[in-house]
Amino acid sequence: MDFLRVELRRIAASILLSVMPRPRIAPSECCSILGLFDALGAHQTEWSVGSVVPKNMETSLKFIRQLCALALVMAAMLPVASNAQAFPDRPVRIVLPYPPGGGPDNVMRIVGERLSKMWGQPVIVDNRPGGNGWIGINTVKLAPPDGYTLLMVDAALFCLQPHLYQNLPYDPFKDFVAIAPVFSTNYFMVVKADSPWKSVKDLLVAAKAEDGHMTYGSSGVGSQYHLGGAMLESMTGVKMTHVPYKDTMQIFTDIIGGRIDWSFATASTANALYQAKKLKFLAIAAPHRYPTYPDVPTVMESGGPNMELRTWVGIFAPAGTAKEAADRLSSDFQKVMAEPEIQQKLNTVGLTSWSGSATDLRSALTQDYNTYGAIQNKVKIKIQ
C-alpha cells in the first residue's frame, strides 16, 4: 500500500502543478474532476494484477480526492498571484520621445539589456522624437494600460512644459502612473573644442558685445536646454538668441561647424564628442564639480552666476495600469539601477544612477513641477 500512496501523491502533485497557472477553475470543472473519483470509489474498482495491488481502493481514492480538491480550491483562490508571477510574458516596449544616440537612449539600451535577461523577454527601445516630445508621450498615453508599453521621460517634459502650453495634449499627473526613476544629472555648457572662450566669463563678455547675436541651441522650445539658456540670460542680463532643434545630435554638429555658438547638454549625450576632442565642456551648472570630470569647473567658478541646472529621467506607464504589473516593474527597475555594474557605466558618462521607488519618482515630479513653475514665472520663456 505504501508504494501506491507514493504514486498517488505524485499524481496529485502533478494535478496541482497543472491547475495552478490557470486564472480560474470553473465549478463545473471541479465537479467533473472530483466526480470521477466518486465514481471510481463507488465501484470499488478491482485490478486483476494478482496480489500486488489491493482490490479495494476506496481509502486510496478518498486520499487522492482530498488532495485534488485542495489543489482546485487553491487554484480558484489565487488567480491574481499566479498572473502576477507570470508578468511579463511577452516583449515590453519602452518609448523614448528622443532620437537615437542621446543620453536617455544610451542608458535605456544598457538598462533594457539587463531587464531582458531578468524577464526572459525582449525589451524594445522605441524612439519617437519630434513635436516637443508629444509624439512619444501620446503614444504611451493612448497605449493599453497593461504594463507592456512604458515611457521614459525627463523632468522638463513633465514639469516645465505644463507651465508653457495652455493646451498641452497630456497631463503628467492624470494620464500616467510613476514606475521608477532611472538617473539624474546636471547640465554642462558645451562649446567647440577650439573655441576662443576659455571660461563662462569669456563667453558672457563676448555675448554682451554681440548684443543678442550670440546663439545657443536647444532640443526644442521648453526643453531643459532652453530653460538653462533662459536662466543664464535672466541671471546675467545678457541677451542671446535661442535656436531650437528637433535632433539633439544636430546641435553638436552645428556647434562644431560654427553655425551656433554653444548649448547646455548632459555629459552622457555629449561625452563621445568630448572624448574625441571635438567639443569642450566649459562648465557644469552644479554646486560642485563632477567626479568623472574633475577639471571642469562649475559655472560660478568659471565666472558665471551661481546657477544649477539638473534633471532626472524616469519610467512611467499609462494611467490605469494594474497595480500588480506596476509594482513588479517598479521593483525590477529599482533592482537594476542598484547594480554596481550599471551604476559604474552611468558614472563614466556623468550620470548618477537613481535606484528609487515609484513614490520617489512621484515626489520628484511634484516638487520639480512646482520649482519649474516658479522659474518660468521669472524667466518667462516665450512660445513662438
Protein backbone atom coordinates (compact mmCIF):
# COMPACT_ATOMS: atom_id res chain seq x y z
CA MET A 1 0.00 0.00 0.00
CA ASP A 2 2.91 2.40 0.67
CA PHE A 3 4.10 2.38 -2.93
CA LEU A 4 0.57 3.16 -4.09
CA ARG A 5 0.27 6.10 -1.74
CA VAL A 6 3.57 7.48 -3.06
CA GLU A 7 2.31 7.14 -6.62
CA LEU A 8 -0.98 8.78 -5.70
CA ARG A 9 0.90 11.69 -4.12
CA ARG A 10 2.88 12.10 -7.33
CA ILE A 11 -0.29 12.15 -9.41
CA ALA A 12 -1.93 14.67 -7.09
CA ALA A 13 1.16 16.88 -7.21
CA SER A 14 1.05 16.76 -11.00
CA ILE A 15 -2.58 17.83 -10.94
CA LEU A 16 -1.71 20.66 -8.54
CA LEU A 17 1.04 21.95 -10.84
CA SER A 18 -1.18 21.70 -13.90
CA VAL A 19 -4.00 23.71 -12.40
CA MET A 20 -2.06 26.40 -10.50
CA PRO A 21 -1.19 28.56 -13.55
CA ARG A 22 -4.84 28.72 -14.63
CA PRO A 23 -6.61 32.02 -13.87
CA ARG A 24 -9.77 30.36 -12.54
CA ILE A 25 -11.30 26.88 -12.22
CA ALA A 26 -14.99 26.76 -13.07
CA PRO A 27 -17.24 24.96 -10.54
CA SER A 28 -18.38 22.60 -13.29
CA GLU A 29 -14.77 21.55 -13.87
CA CYS A 30 -14.30 20.93 -10.16
CA CYS A 31 -17.41 18.79 -10.08
CA SER A 32 -16.42 16.74 -13.11
CA ILE A 33 -12.91 16.02 -11.83
CA LEU A 34 -13.98 15.17 -8.31
CA GLY A 35 -16.97 13.27 -9.62
CA LEU A 36 -14.60 10.97 -11.46
CA PHE A 37 -13.09 9.88 -8.19
CA ASP A 38 -16.56 9.46 -6.66
CA ALA A 39 -17.46 7.09 -9.46
CA LEU A 40 -14.27 5.10 -9.09
CA GLY A 41 -14.71 4.86 -5.35
CA ALA A 42 -18.35 3.82 -5.64
CA HIS A 43 -17.46 0.90 -7.93
CA GLN A 44 -14.55 -0.09 -5.72
CA THR A 45 -12.54 -0.84 -8.84
CA GLU A 46 -10.65 -4.14 -8.77
CA TRP A 47 -7.33 -4.52 -10.55
CA SER A 48 -6.54 -8.01 -11.81
CA VAL A 49 -2.81 -7.92 -11.22
CA GLY A 50 -2.54 -10.60 -8.63
CA SER A 51 -1.98 -9.66 -5.02
CA VAL A 52 0.35 -6.73 -5.66
CA VAL A 53 -2.42 -4.12 -5.72
CA PRO A 54 -5.31 -4.41 -3.23
CA LYS A 55 -8.79 -4.94 -4.64
CA ASN A 56 -10.48 -2.32 -2.54
CA MET A 57 -9.12 1.14 -3.36
CA GLU A 58 -11.76 3.18 -1.58
CA THR A 59 -9.35 4.52 1.04
CA SER A 60 -6.71 5.46 -1.53
CA LEU A 61 -9.23 7.13 -3.82
CA LYS A 62 -10.56 9.16 -0.92
CA PHE A 63 -7.00 10.25 -0.16
CA ILE A 64 -6.24 11.47 -3.69
CA ARG A 65 -9.68 13.04 -3.96
CA GLN A 66 -8.91 15.20 -0.93
CA LEU A 67 -5.56 16.27 -2.36
CA CYS A 68 -7.08 17.16 -5.71
CA ALA A 69 -9.86 19.10 -4.02
CA LEU A 70 -7.24 21.09 -2.14
CA ALA A 71 -5.35 21.83 -5.37
CA LEU A 72 -8.51 23.00 -7.12
CA VAL A 73 -9.51 25.26 -4.24
CA MET A 74 -6.03 26.83 -4.15
CA ALA A 75 -6.10 27.42 -7.90
CA ALA A 76 -9.50 29.09 -7.69
CA MET A 77 -8.47 31.28 -4.76
CA LEU A 78 -5.15 32.55 -6.13
CA PRO A 79 -5.70 33.70 -9.72
CA VAL A 80 -4.09 37.12 -9.24
CA ALA A 81 -0.93 35.78 -7.67
CA SER A 82 -0.33 33.32 -10.48
CA ASN A 83 -0.86 36.01 -13.12
CA ALA A 84 1.45 38.47 -11.37
CA GLN A 85 4.23 35.90 -11.22
CA ALA A 86 3.95 35.37 -14.98
CA PHE A 87 4.37 39.07 -15.86
CA PRO A 88 5.87 39.90 -18.29
CA ASP A 89 5.17 37.02 -20.64
CA ARG A 90 5.83 38.91 -23.89
CA PRO A 91 8.07 41.76 -25.12
CA VAL A 92 7.99 45.07 -23.25
CA ARG A 93 8.19 48.27 -25.30
CA ILE A 94 9.77 51.41 -23.81
CA VAL A 95 9.01 54.56 -25.79
CA LEU A 96 11.52 57.42 -25.77
CA PRO A 97 10.49 60.87 -27.08
CA TYR A 98 14.15 61.37 -28.08
CA PRO A 99 16.25 60.46 -31.11
CA PRO A 100 18.73 57.56 -31.04
CA GLY A 101 22.22 58.29 -29.74
CA GLY A 102 21.31 60.69 -26.94
CA GLY A 103 21.77 60.21 -23.20
CA PRO A 104 18.39 58.64 -22.39
CA ASP A 105 18.64 56.35 -25.42
CA ASN A 106 22.12 55.13 -24.46
CA VAL A 107 21.07 54.49 -20.87
CA MET A 108 17.85 52.71 -21.80
CA ARG A 109 19.71 50.29 -24.05
CA ILE A 110 22.04 49.40 -21.18
CA VAL A 111 19.18 49.02 -18.70
CA GLY A 112 16.93 47.30 -21.25
CA GLU A 113 19.51 44.61 -21.90
CA ARG A 114 19.70 43.83 -18.19
CA LEU A 115 15.90 43.77 -17.80
CA SER A 116 15.59 41.47 -20.81
CA LYS A 117 17.84 38.93 -19.10
CA MET A 118 15.90 39.28 -15.86
CA TRP A 119 12.49 38.80 -17.51
CA GLY A 120 13.43 36.35 -20.23
CA GLN A 121 11.61 38.67 -22.66
CA PRO A 122 12.83 41.22 -25.24
CA VAL A 123 12.86 44.89 -24.23
CA ILE A 124 12.19 47.06 -27.28
CA VAL A 125 13.55 50.63 -27.24
CA ASP A 126 11.18 52.64 -29.45
CA ASN A 127 12.46 56.13 -30.33
CA ARG A 128 9.60 58.56 -31.12
CA PRO A 129 11.16 62.05 -31.26
CA GLY A 130 9.50 65.21 -32.50
CA GLY A 131 6.68 67.56 -31.59
CA ASN A 132 8.39 68.78 -28.39
CA GLY A 133 8.21 65.23 -27.11
CA TRP A 134 4.45 64.99 -27.59
CA ILE A 135 4.59 62.24 -30.23
CA GLY A 136 6.29 59.76 -27.93
CA ILE A 137 4.34 60.81 -24.85
CA ASN A 138 0.96 60.44 -26.56
CA THR A 139 1.98 57.06 -27.96
CA VAL A 140 2.18 55.76 -24.40
CA LYS A 141 -0.79 57.76 -23.14
CA LEU A 142 -3.04 56.01 -25.68
CA ALA A 143 -1.49 52.54 -25.25
CA PRO A 144 -3.34 49.75 -23.39
CA PRO A 145 -2.62 50.05 -19.65
CA ASP A 146 -1.27 46.51 -19.39
CA GLY A 147 2.32 47.27 -18.38
CA TYR A 148 3.78 46.30 -21.76
CA THR A 149 4.18 49.87 -23.09
CA LEU A 150 6.20 52.28 -20.95
CA LEU A 151 7.51 55.83 -21.28
CA MET A 152 11.00 57.07 -20.49
CA VAL A 153 10.78 60.83 -19.96
CA ASP A 154 12.75 63.69 -18.41
CA ALA A 155 11.73 66.36 -15.92
CA ALA A 156 11.39 69.15 -18.49
CA LEU A 157 8.67 67.39 -20.49
CA PHE A 158 6.61 66.61 -17.41
CA CYS A 159 7.46 69.54 -15.10
CA LEU A 160 8.23 72.53 -17.34
CA GLN A 161 6.06 72.11 -20.43
CA PRO A 162 2.77 72.21 -18.46
CA HIS A 163 3.71 75.78 -17.48
CA LEU A 164 4.43 76.76 -21.10
CA TYR A 165 1.49 75.39 -23.09
CA GLN A 166 -2.16 76.09 -22.34
CA ASN A 167 -3.40 73.19 -24.48
CA LEU A 168 -0.83 70.54 -23.63
CA PRO A 169 -2.15 67.21 -25.00
CA TYR A 170 -1.26 65.31 -21.85
CA ASP A 171 -1.39 65.68 -18.08
CA PRO A 172 1.62 64.12 -16.32
CA PHE A 173 -0.39 63.58 -13.15
CA LYS A 174 -3.66 62.24 -14.59
CA ASP A 175 -2.54 60.38 -17.73
CA PHE A 176 0.38 58.41 -16.27
CA VAL A 177 1.46 56.44 -13.23
CA ALA A 178 5.02 56.62 -11.93
CA ILE A 179 7.04 53.39 -12.13
CA ALA A 180 10.63 54.20 -11.14
CA PRO A 181 13.39 56.79 -11.56
CA VAL A 182 16.40 55.85 -13.70
CA PHE A 183 19.04 58.55 -13.33
CA SER A 184 19.69 62.18 -12.50
CA THR A 185 22.30 64.55 -13.89
CA ASN A 186 23.45 68.15 -14.10
CA TYR A 187 24.00 70.04 -17.35
CA PHE A 188 27.27 71.23 -18.88
CA MET A 189 27.86 74.30 -21.01
CA VAL A 190 29.28 72.97 -24.28
CA VAL A 191 31.34 74.80 -26.92
CA LYS A 192 33.50 73.58 -29.80
CA ALA A 193 36.93 72.28 -28.83
CA ASP A 194 38.86 75.16 -30.41
CA SER A 195 36.53 77.84 -29.06
CA PRO A 196 38.25 81.12 -28.15
CA TRP A 197 36.31 81.18 -24.87
CA LYS A 198 38.18 79.57 -22.02
CA SER A 199 35.60 80.33 -19.35
CA VAL A 200 31.96 81.30 -18.85
CA LYS A 201 33.17 84.82 -18.13
CA ASP A 202 34.77 84.96 -21.61
CA LEU A 203 31.53 83.74 -23.22
CA LEU A 204 29.40 86.32 -21.37
CA VAL A 205 31.74 89.18 -22.30
CA ALA A 206 31.55 88.14 -25.96
CA ALA A 207 27.76 87.75 -25.78
CA LYS A 208 27.35 91.23 -24.31
CA ALA A 209 29.48 92.68 -27.08
CA GLU A 210 27.44 90.91 -29.74
CA ASP A 211 24.25 92.45 -28.32
CA GLY A 212 21.92 89.47 -28.70
CA HIS A 213 23.52 87.84 -31.74
CA MET A 214 25.28 85.04 -29.86
CA THR A 215 23.34 81.81 -30.37
CA TYR A 216 22.67 78.82 -28.15
CA GLY A 217 20.96 75.62 -29.24
CA SER A 218 18.34 73.51 -27.52
CA SER A 219 16.46 70.28 -28.08
CA GLY A 220 13.23 72.22 -28.51
CA VAL A 221 11.17 75.06 -27.11
CA GLY A 222 10.56 74.41 -23.43
CA SER A 223 13.32 71.81 -23.15
CA GLN A 224 15.86 71.73 -20.33
CA TYR A 225 18.48 73.12 -22.71
CA HIS A 226 16.18 76.07 -23.45
CA LEU A 227 15.46 76.61 -19.76
CA GLY A 228 19.19 76.74 -18.98
CA GLY A 229 19.85 79.36 -21.63
CA ALA A 230 16.90 81.46 -20.46
CA MET A 231 18.10 81.19 -16.84
CA LEU A 232 21.61 82.34 -17.81
CA GLU A 233 20.17 85.32 -19.71
CA SER A 234 17.91 86.24 -16.80
CA MET A 235 20.64 85.93 -14.16
CA THR A 236 23.24 87.95 -16.10
CA GLY A 237 21.12 90.39 -18.07
CA VAL A 238 22.94 89.34 -21.25
CA LYS A 239 20.73 88.80 -24.30
CA MET A 240 21.29 85.85 -26.66
CA THR A 241 19.38 84.12 -29.46
CA HIS A 242 17.76 80.74 -28.87
CA VAL A 243 17.90 78.20 -31.73
CA PRO A 244 15.66 75.11 -31.19
CA TYR A 245 16.43 71.77 -32.84
CA LYS A 246 14.47 68.58 -33.37
CA ASP A 247 17.56 66.38 -33.24
CA THR A 248 19.86 66.79 -30.22
CA MET A 249 22.91 65.47 -32.07
CA GLN A 250 22.43 68.12 -34.76
CA ILE A 251 23.06 70.75 -32.09
CA PHE A 252 26.58 69.42 -31.60
CA THR A 253 27.17 69.14 -35.34
CA ASP A 254 26.32 72.82 -35.71
CA ILE A 255 28.45 73.86 -32.73
CA ILE A 256 31.44 72.04 -34.20
CA GLY A 257 30.69 73.56 -37.60
CA GLY A 258 30.42 77.08 -36.16
CA ARG A 259 26.76 77.59 -37.12
CA ILE A 260 25.75 78.18 -33.50
CA ASP A 261 27.92 79.15 -30.53
CA TRP A 262 27.11 76.92 -27.57
CA SER A 263 24.50 74.84 -25.76
CA PHE A 264 23.70 73.18 -22.49
CA ALA A 265 23.92 69.37 -22.64
CA THR A 266 24.24 66.34 -20.41
CA ALA A 267 27.60 64.62 -20.32
CA SER A 268 26.04 61.36 -21.48
CA THR A 269 24.79 62.99 -24.67
CA ALA A 270 27.97 64.91 -25.49
CA ASN A 271 30.58 62.57 -23.98
CA ALA A 272 31.57 60.78 -27.21
CA LEU A 273 32.36 64.09 -28.95
CA TYR A 274 34.05 65.36 -25.79
CA GLN A 275 36.30 62.30 -25.71
CA ALA A 276 37.02 62.77 -29.43
CA LYS A 277 38.13 66.34 -28.61
CA LYS A 278 35.54 67.88 -30.90
CA LEU A 279 33.60 69.51 -28.05
CA LYS A 280 34.72 71.17 -24.83
CA PHE A 281 32.88 71.28 -21.51
CA LEU A 282 33.19 74.91 -20.48
CA ALA A 283 31.49 74.47 -17.09
CA ILE A 284 28.93 72.42 -15.18
CA ALA A 285 25.74 74.01 -13.82
CA ALA A 286 26.01 72.45 -10.38
CA PRO A 287 27.09 73.36 -6.84
CA HIS A 288 30.16 71.12 -7.12
CA ARG A 289 32.40 69.61 -9.78
CA TYR A 290 31.51 66.18 -11.06
CA PRO A 291 33.96 63.41 -10.05
CA THR A 292 34.15 62.00 -13.59
CA TYR A 293 35.17 65.42 -14.95
CA PRO A 294 37.25 66.95 -12.13
CA ASP A 295 38.89 69.52 -14.43
CA VAL A 296 35.55 71.05 -15.47
CA PRO A 297 34.69 73.98 -13.15
CA THR A 298 31.24 74.97 -12.01
CA VAL A 299 29.53 77.87 -13.78
CA MET A 300 30.23 80.11 -10.78
CA GLU A 301 33.89 79.05 -10.59
CA SER A 302 34.17 79.89 -14.29
CA GLY A 303 32.99 83.47 -13.82
CA GLY A 304 29.25 83.00 -14.23
CA PRO A 305 26.31 83.18 -11.80
CA ASN A 306 25.61 80.67 -9.05
CA MET A 307 23.20 78.52 -11.04
CA GLU A 308 22.19 74.87 -11.06
CA LEU A 309 20.53 73.09 -13.95
CA ARG A 310 19.70 69.47 -13.31
CA THR A 311 17.20 66.90 -14.44
CA TRP A 312 16.02 63.38 -13.82
CA VAL A 313 14.75 60.70 -16.15
CA GLY A 314 12.10 58.22 -15.07
CA ILE A 315 9.77 55.47 -16.26
CA PHE A 316 6.01 55.96 -16.44
CA ALA A 317 3.08 53.77 -17.54
CA PRO A 318 -0.38 54.70 -18.86
CA ALA A 319 -2.97 55.58 -16.22
CA GLY A 320 -4.98 52.55 -15.20
CA THR A 321 -2.08 50.11 -15.31
CA ALA A 322 -2.76 47.21 -12.93
CA LYS A 323 -1.07 47.61 -9.55
CA GLU A 324 0.47 44.13 -9.74
CA ALA A 325 2.20 44.91 -13.04
CA ALA A 326 3.27 48.39 -11.89
CA ASP A 327 4.71 47.02 -8.65
CA ARG A 328 6.66 44.32 -10.49
CA LEU A 329 8.09 46.85 -12.96
CA SER A 330 8.99 49.28 -10.19
CA SER A 331 10.74 46.60 -8.16
CA ASP A 332 12.74 45.30 -11.13
CA PHE A 333 13.84 48.76 -12.29
CA GLN A 334 14.91 49.55 -8.75
CA LYS A 335 16.99 46.36 -8.56
CA VAL A 336 18.70 47.01 -11.89
CA MET A 337 19.57 50.64 -11.09
CA ALA A 338 21.13 49.49 -7.80
CA GLU A 339 23.52 47.07 -9.50
CA PRO A 340 27.17 48.23 -9.18
CA GLU A 341 27.90 47.45 -12.84
CA ILE A 342 25.02 49.63 -14.03
CA GLN A 343 25.99 52.43 -11.65
CA GLN A 344 29.57 52.35 -12.89
CA LYS A 345 28.51 52.52 -16.54
CA LEU A 346 26.37 55.58 -15.84
CA ASN A 347 29.01 57.29 -13.70
CA THR A 348 31.55 57.11 -16.51
CA VAL A 349 29.32 59.34 -18.67
CA GLY A 350 28.42 61.83 -15.97
CA LEU A 351 25.12 60.33 -14.81
CA THR A 352 24.02 59.30 -11.33
CA SER A 353 22.08 56.06 -11.25
CA TRP A 354 18.91 56.51 -9.20
CA SER A 355 17.59 53.36 -7.57
CA GLY A 356 14.30 54.65 -6.26
CA SER A 357 10.68 53.67 -5.85
CA ALA A 358 7.53 54.84 -7.61
CA THR A 359 6.88 57.05 -4.57
CA ASP A 360 10.30 58.69 -5.01
CA LEU A 361 9.53 59.46 -8.64
CA ARG A 362 6.10 60.87 -7.82
CA SER A 363 7.67 63.12 -5.18
CA ALA A 364 10.29 64.38 -7.65
CA LEU A 365 7.56 65.05 -10.22
CA THR A 366 5.52 67.12 -7.79
CA GLN A 367 8.49 69.01 -6.38
CA ASP A 368 10.03 69.91 -9.74
CA TYR A 369 6.66 70.80 -11.23
CA ASN A 370 6.39 73.50 -8.57
CA THR A 371 10.07 74.52 -8.91
CA TYR A 372 9.94 74.89 -12.68
CA GLY A 373 6.72 76.83 -12.40
CA ALA A 374 8.48 79.35 -10.19
CA ILE A 375 11.45 79.55 -12.60
CA GLN A 376 9.16 80.08 -15.58
CA ASN A 377 7.39 82.92 -13.78
CA LYS A 378 10.79 84.60 -13.50
CA VAL A 379 12.47 83.86 -16.85
CA LYS A 380 9.22 83.91 -18.88
CA ILE A 381 10.12 81.59 -21.74
CA LYS A 382 8.04 82.64 -24.75
CA ILE A 383 6.42 80.12 -27.09
CA GLN A 384 6.81 81.35 -30.63
